[in-house]
C-alpha atoms as a PDB file:
ATOM      1  CA  UNK A   1       1.848-180.392  53.424  1.00  0.00           C
ATOM      2  CA  UNK A   2       5.000-182.013  54.759  1.00  0.00           C
ATOM      3  CA  UNK A   3       6.337-185.542  54.027  1.00  0.00           C
ATOM      4  CA  UNK A   4       7.320-187.429  57.168  1.00  0.00           C
ATOM      5  CA  UNK A   5       9.400-190.622  57.608  1.00  0.00           C
ATOM      6  CA  UNK A   6       9.850-191.784  54.087  1.00  0.00           C
ATOM      7  CA  UNK A   7       6.766-190.607  52.335  1.00  0.00           C
ATOM      8  CA  UNK A   8       7.802-188.643  49.183  1.00  0.00           C
ATOM      9  CA  UNK A   9       6.912-187.471  45.701  1.00  0.00           C
ATOM     10  CA  UNK A  10       7.525-189.978  42.915  1.00  0.00           C
ATOM     11  CA  UNK A  11       7.663-190.039  39.210  1.00  0.00           C
ATOM     12  CA  UNK A  12       7.617-193.816  39.015  1.00  0.00           C
ATOM     13  CA  UNK A  13       3.881-194.259  39.020  1.00  0.00           C
ATOM     14  CA  UNK A  14       1.494-191.356  38.479  1.00  0.00           C
ATOM     15  CA  UNK A  15      -2.063-191.020  37.232  1.00  0.00           C
ATOM     16  CA  UNK A  16      -1.988-187.464  36.406  1.00  0.00           C
ATOM     17  CA  UNK A  17       0.634-184.712  36.123  1.00  0.00           C
ATOM     18  CA  UNK A  18       4.452-185.092  36.700  1.00  0.00           C
ATOM     19  CA  UNK A  19       4.321-186.965  40.145  1.00  0.00           C
ATOM     20  CA  UNK A  20       2.261-188.789  42.857  1.00  0.00           C
ATOM     21  CA  UNK A  21       2.791-189.286  46.423  1.00  0.00           C
ATOM     22  CA  UNK A  22       4.717-192.395  47.435  1.00  0.00           C
ATOM     23  CA  UNK A  23       4.388-194.231  50.690  1.00  0.00           C
ATOM     24  CA  UNK A  24       6.740-197.309  51.507  1.00  0.00           C
ATOM     25  CA  UNK A  25       4.235-198.866  53.916  1.00  0.00           C
ATOM     26  CA  UNK A  26       5.723-198.076  57.353  1.00  0.00           C
ATOM     27  CA  UNK A  27       3.280-197.147  60.073  1.00  0.00           C
ATOM     28  CA  UNK A  28       5.177-193.928  60.753  1.00  0.00           C
ATOM     29  CA  UNK A  29       5.168-192.523  57.267  1.00  0.00           C
ATOM     30  CA  UNK A  30       2.615-190.003  56.057  1.00  0.00           C
ATOM     31  CA  UNK A  31       2.196-186.619  54.527  1.00  0.00           C
ATOM     32  CA  UNK A  32       0.598-184.226  56.943  1.00  0.00           C
ATOM     33  CA  UNK A  33      -1.138-180.926  56.420  1.00  0.00           C
ATOM     34  CA  UNK A  34      -3.543-178.665  58.138  1.00  0.00           C
ATOM     35  CA  UNK A  35      -6.536-179.679  60.163  1.00  0.00           C
ATOM     36  CA  UNK A  36      -9.678-180.272  57.845  1.00  0.00           C
ATOM     37  CA  UNK A  37     -12.749-180.645  59.890  1.00  0.00           C
ATOM     38  CA  UNK A  38     -15.646-182.108  57.983  1.00  0.00           C
ATOM     39  CA  UNK A  39     -18.732-180.954  60.042  1.00  0.00           C
ATOM     40  CA  UNK A  40     -21.298-181.213  57.220  1.00  0.00           C
ATOM     41  CA  UNK A  41     -21.479-182.448  53.716  1.00  0.00           C
ATOM     42  CA  UNK A  42     -18.297-183.501  52.091  1.00  0.00           C
ATOM     43  CA  UNK A  43     -16.363-185.627  49.460  1.00  0.00           C
ATOM     44  CA  UNK A  44     -12.959-187.298  49.950  1.00  0.00           C
ATOM     45  CA  UNK A  45     -11.559-188.801  46.855  1.00  0.00           C
ATOM     46  CA  UNK A  46      -8.079-189.969  45.511  1.00  0.00           C
ATOM     47  CA  UNK A  47      -6.568-192.257  42.946  1.00  0.00           C
ATOM     48  CA  UNK A  48      -4.806-195.067  44.834  1.00  0.00           C
ATOM     49  CA  UNK A  49      -2.249-197.570  43.501  1.00  0.00           C
ATOM     50  CA  UNK A  50      -1.675-200.001  46.364  1.00  0.00           C
ATOM     51  CA  UNK A  51       1.473-202.141  46.326  1.00  0.00           C
ATOM     52  CA  UNK A  52       0.486-204.052  49.622  1.00  0.00           C
ATOM     53  CA  UNK A  53      -2.934-204.547  50.879  1.00  0.00           C
ATOM     54  CA  UNK A  54      -2.603-206.899  53.862  1.00  0.00           C
ATOM     55  CA  UNK A  55      -3.521-205.680  57.243  1.00  0.00           C
ATOM     56  CA  UNK A  56      -4.831-202.111  57.846  1.00  0.00           C
ATOM     57  CA  UNK A  57      -3.475-199.568  55.410  1.00  0.00           C
ATOM     58  CA  UNK A  58      -4.426-195.951  55.974  1.00  0.00           C
ATOM     59  CA  UNK A  59      -5.269-193.792  52.845  1.00  0.00           C
ATOM     60  CA  UNK A  60      -6.199-190.460  54.346  1.00  0.00           C
ATOM     61  CA  UNK A  61      -7.972-188.740  57.218  1.00  0.00           C
ATOM     62  CA  UNK A  62      -7.956-186.799  60.456  1.00  0.00           C
ATOM     63  CA  UNK A  63      -8.099-189.464  63.063  1.00  0.00           C
ATOM     64  CA  UNK A  64      -6.576-189.591  66.642  1.00  0.00           C
ATOM     65  CA  UNK A  65      -6.531-191.865  69.493  1.00  0.00           C
ATOM     66  CA  UNK A  66      -5.446-189.021  71.763  1.00  0.00           C
ATOM     67  CA  UNK A  67      -7.927-188.052  74.498  1.00  0.00           C
ATOM     68  CA  UNK A  68      -9.869-185.817  74.427  1.00  0.00           C
ATOM     69  CA  UNK A  69      -9.590-185.611  70.674  1.00  0.00           C
ATOM     70  CA  UNK A  70     -10.482-189.290  69.831  1.00  0.00           C
ATOM     71  CA  UNK A  71     -11.955-190.198  66.492  1.00  0.00           C
ATOM     72  CA  UNK A  72     -12.488-188.219  63.441  1.00  0.00           C
ATOM     73  CA  UNK A  73     -12.694-189.617  59.941  1.00  0.00           C
ATOM     74  CA  UNK A  74     -10.506-192.195  58.237  1.00  0.00           C
ATOM     75  CA  UNK A  75     -10.398-193.778  54.707  1.00  0.00           C
ATOM     76  CA  UNK A  76      -8.341-197.010  54.701  1.00  0.00           C
ATOM     77  CA  UNK A  77      -7.741-200.461  53.317  1.00  0.00           C
ATOM     78  CA  UNK A  78      -8.663-203.462  55.554  1.00  0.00           C
ATOM     79  CA  UNK A  79      -7.019-206.396  53.860  1.00  0.00           C
ATOM     80  CA  UNK A  80      -7.440-204.558  50.466  1.00  0.00           C
ATOM     81  CA  UNK A  81     -11.067-203.735  51.106  1.00  0.00           C
ATOM     82  CA  UNK A  82     -11.946-199.997  51.059  1.00  0.00           C
ATOM     83  CA  UNK A  83     -13.220-198.996  54.599  1.00  0.00           C
ATOM     84  CA  UNK A  84     -14.418-195.721  56.083  1.00  0.00           C
ATOM     85  CA  UNK A  85     -14.996-194.697  59.662  1.00  0.00           C
ATOM     86  CA  UNK A  86     -16.442-191.571  61.008  1.00  0.00           C
ATOM     87  CA  UNK A  87     -17.303-190.436  64.624  1.00  0.00           C
ATOM     88  CA  UNK A  88     -15.790-190.664  68.096  1.00  0.00           C
ATOM     89  CA  UNK A  89     -13.260-193.445  68.595  1.00  0.00           C
ATOM     90  CA  UNK A  90     -15.481-195.070  71.278  1.00  0.00           C
ATOM     91  CA  UNK A  91     -18.651-194.941  69.242  1.00  0.00           C
ATOM     92  CA  UNK A  92     -17.894-194.901  65.505  1.00  0.00           C
ATOM     93  CA  UNK A  93     -21.121-193.799  64.118  1.00  0.00           C
ATOM     94  CA  UNK A  94     -20.583-194.404  60.403  1.00  0.00           C
ATOM     95  CA  UNK A  95     -18.633-197.568  59.321  1.00  0.00           C
ATOM     96  CA  UNK A  96     -18.546-198.885  55.685  1.00  0.00           C
ATOM     97  CA  UNK A  97     -16.553-201.516  54.041  1.00  0.00           C
ATOM     98  CA  UNK A  98     -16.492-202.757  50.483  1.00  0.00           C
ATOM     99  CA  UNK A  99     -17.167-206.370  49.903  1.00  0.00           C
ATOM    100  CA  UNK A 100     -14.282-206.873  47.408  1.00  0.00           C
ATOM    101  CA  UNK A 101     -10.587-205.692  47.572  1.00  0.00           C
ATOM    102  CA  UNK A 102      -9.093-203.066  45.335  1.00  0.00           C
ATOM    103  CA  UNK A 103      -6.622-204.394  42.744  1.00  0.00           C
ATOM    104  CA  UNK A 104      -3.004-204.721  43.756  1.00  0.00           C
ATOM    105  CA  UNK A 105      -0.510-202.813  41.474  1.00  0.00           C
ATOM    106  CA  UNK A 106      -3.181-200.906  39.529  1.00  0.00           C
ATOM    107  CA  UNK A 107      -4.907-197.565  39.773  1.00  0.00           C
ATOM    108  CA  UNK A 108      -8.335-197.218  41.276  1.00  0.00           C
ATOM    109  CA  UNK A 109     -10.365-194.195  42.033  1.00  0.00           C
ATOM    110  CA  UNK A 110     -11.883-194.148  45.499  1.00  0.00           C
ATOM    111  CA  UNK A 111     -14.431-191.686  47.156  1.00  0.00           C
ATOM    112  CA  UNK A 112     -16.528-191.223  50.111  1.00  0.00           C
ATOM    113  CA  UNK A 113     -19.385-188.733  50.202  1.00  0.00           C
ATOM    114  CA  UNK A 114     -21.793-187.325  52.957  1.00  0.00           C
ATOM    115  CA  UNK A 115     -24.944-185.545  52.094  1.00  0.00           C
ATOM    116  CA  UNK A 116     -27.150-184.961  55.093  1.00  0.00           C
ATOM    117  CA  UNK A 117     -27.084-188.120  57.093  1.00  0.00           C
ATOM    118  CA  UNK A 118     -26.177-190.429  54.212  1.00  0.00           C
ATOM    119  CA  UNK A 119     -22.605-191.722  53.622  1.00  0.00           C
ATOM    120  CA  UNK A 120     -21.630-193.362  50.385  1.00  0.00           C
ATOM    121  CA  UNK A 121     -18.478-195.105  49.458  1.00  0.00           C
ATOM    122  CA  UNK A 122     -17.253-195.572  45.740  1.00  0.00           C
ATOM    123  CA  UNK A 123     -14.702-197.497  44.029  1.00  0.00           C
ATOM    124  CA  UNK A 124     -13.985-196.925  40.158  1.00  0.00           C
ATOM    125  CA  UNK A 125     -17.224-195.104  39.994  1.00  0.00           C
ATOM    126  CA  UNK A 126     -19.510-197.738  41.407  1.00  0.00           C
ATOM    127  CA  UNK A 127     -21.097-197.460  44.910  1.00  0.00           C
ATOM    128  CA  UNK A 128     -19.729-200.179  47.068  1.00  0.00           C
ATOM    129  CA  UNK A 129     -21.301-199.205  50.492  1.00  0.00           C
ATOM    130  CA  UNK A 130     -23.584-196.963  52.342  1.00  0.00           C
ATOM    131  CA  UNK A 131     -24.321-195.999  55.888  1.00  0.00           C
ATOM    132  CA  UNK A 132     -26.287-193.320  57.804  1.00  0.00           C
ATOM    133  CA  UNK A 133     -25.504-191.144  60.761  1.00  0.00           C
ATOM    134  CA  UNK A 134     -26.867-187.760  62.023  1.00  0.00           C
ATOM    135  CA  UNK A 135     -23.676-187.127  64.052  1.00  0.00           C
ATOM    136  CA  UNK A 136     -21.880-183.855  63.242  1.00  0.00           C
ATOM    137  CA  UNK A 137     -18.244-184.088  62.271  1.00  0.00           C
ATOM    138  CA  UNK A 138     -15.681-183.711  65.019  1.00  0.00           C
ATOM    139  CA  UNK A 139     -13.596-180.577  65.171  1.00  0.00           C
ATOM    140  CA  UNK A 140     -10.035-181.711  65.744  1.00  0.00           C
ATOM    141  CA  UNK A 141      -6.826-179.660  65.831  1.00  0.00           C
ATOM    142  CA  UNK A 142      -4.597-182.560  64.718  1.00  0.00           C
ATOM    143  CA  UNK A 143      -3.342-182.508  61.152  1.00  0.00           C
ATOM    144  CA  UNK A 144      -5.075-184.090  58.202  1.00  0.00           C
ATOM    145  CA  UNK A 145      -2.775-186.981  56.995  1.00  0.00           C
ATOM    146  CA  UNK A 146      -2.237-189.070  53.955  1.00  0.00           C
ATOM    147  CA  UNK A 147      -0.941-192.497  54.669  1.00  0.00           C
ATOM    148  CA  UNK A 148      -1.380-192.586  58.512  1.00  0.00           C
ATOM    149  CA  UNK A 149      -2.942-191.103  61.635  1.00  0.00           C
ATOM    150  CA  UNK A 150      -2.118-190.179  65.270  1.00  0.00           C
ATOM    151  CA  UNK A 151      -1.887-192.552  68.264  1.00  0.00           C
ATOM    152  CA  UNK A 152      -2.884-192.082  71.895  1.00  0.00           C
ATOM    153  CA  UNK A 153       0.034-189.903  72.669  1.00  0.00           C
ATOM    154  CA  UNK A 154      -0.435-187.552  69.732  1.00  0.00           C
ATOM    155  CA  UNK A 155       2.367-189.066  67.700  1.00  0.00           C
ATOM    156  CA  UNK A 156       2.029-190.093  64.051  1.00  0.00           C
ATOM    157  CA  UNK A 157       1.983-193.827  63.699  1.00  0.00           C
ATOM    158  CA  UNK A 158       0.004-196.545  65.415  1.00  0.00           C
ATOM    159  CA  UNK A 159       1.347-199.959  66.306  1.00  0.00           C
ATOM    160  CA  UNK A 160      -0.587-202.639  64.410  1.00  0.00           C
ATOM    161  CA  UNK A 161      -1.745-200.275  61.737  1.00  0.00           C
ATOM    162  CA  UNK A 162       0.546-200.197  58.725  1.00  0.00           C
ATOM    163  CA  UNK A 163       0.926-197.032  56.657  1.00  0.00           C
ATOM    164  CA  UNK A 164      -0.332-196.872  53.162  1.00  0.00           C
ATOM    165  CA  UNK A 165       1.970-198.908  50.760  1.00  0.00           C
ATOM    166  CA  UNK A 166       1.910-197.532  47.155  1.00  0.00           C
ATOM    167  CA  UNK A 167       1.073-194.321  45.442  1.00  0.00           C
ATOM    168  CA  UNK A 168      -1.676-191.706  45.956  1.00  0.00           C
ATOM    169  CA  UNK A 169      -2.574-189.079  43.213  1.00  0.00           C
ATOM    170  CA  UNK A 170      -5.101-186.363  42.698  1.00  0.00           C
ATOM    171  CA  UNK A 171      -6.403-186.397  46.341  1.00  0.00           C
ATOM    172  CA  UNK A 172      -9.201-184.072  46.928  1.00  0.00           C
ATOM    173  CA  UNK A 173     -11.177-183.047  50.126  1.00  0.00           C
ATOM    174  CA  UNK A 174     -14.280-180.869  49.357  1.00  0.00           C
ATOM    175  CA  UNK A 175     -16.983-179.565  51.756  1.00  0.00           C
ATOM    176  CA  UNK A 176     -19.560-180.372  49.042  1.00  0.00           C
ATOM    177  CA  UNK A 177     -21.115-183.763  49.007  1.00  0.00           C
ATOM    178  CA  UNK A 178     -22.016-185.415  45.767  1.00  0.00           C
END
């Protein structure tokens, strides 16, 4: 994984271990890694500590606006409310959004699971949303990213979408749904 444009490791706020990933909130900051295609059952989870929640704040995913590789999967905050999108950009087939915002300046555990056609989203151990879709996951060659995603020209950062602001710790991506 590689930190891009201001994302870094931090010992200021951490949930476990010696450090966490810090994101200053710019739309071009992220930590990128290899492509992680989620074609079947899966679990995405992380401890998040948001320091700003206004607007659209990307937590993690593999999402692109670049043709022909549009869509993917994306976990983010929409004005502080946990949101998940899955599918092609033009036809997002699974969309979930929590009814209440995550706490600001506090740790919260977030997760999204898929088992069969059922998607579930959790915050601090409680289920906050569900959706169904039989669409298979998209196989994308773009990198998996923490704190951002790729625009229509294949460049990290999308105008109008702020990067995650705060800390992420204990991020896990598993090809097993729970």
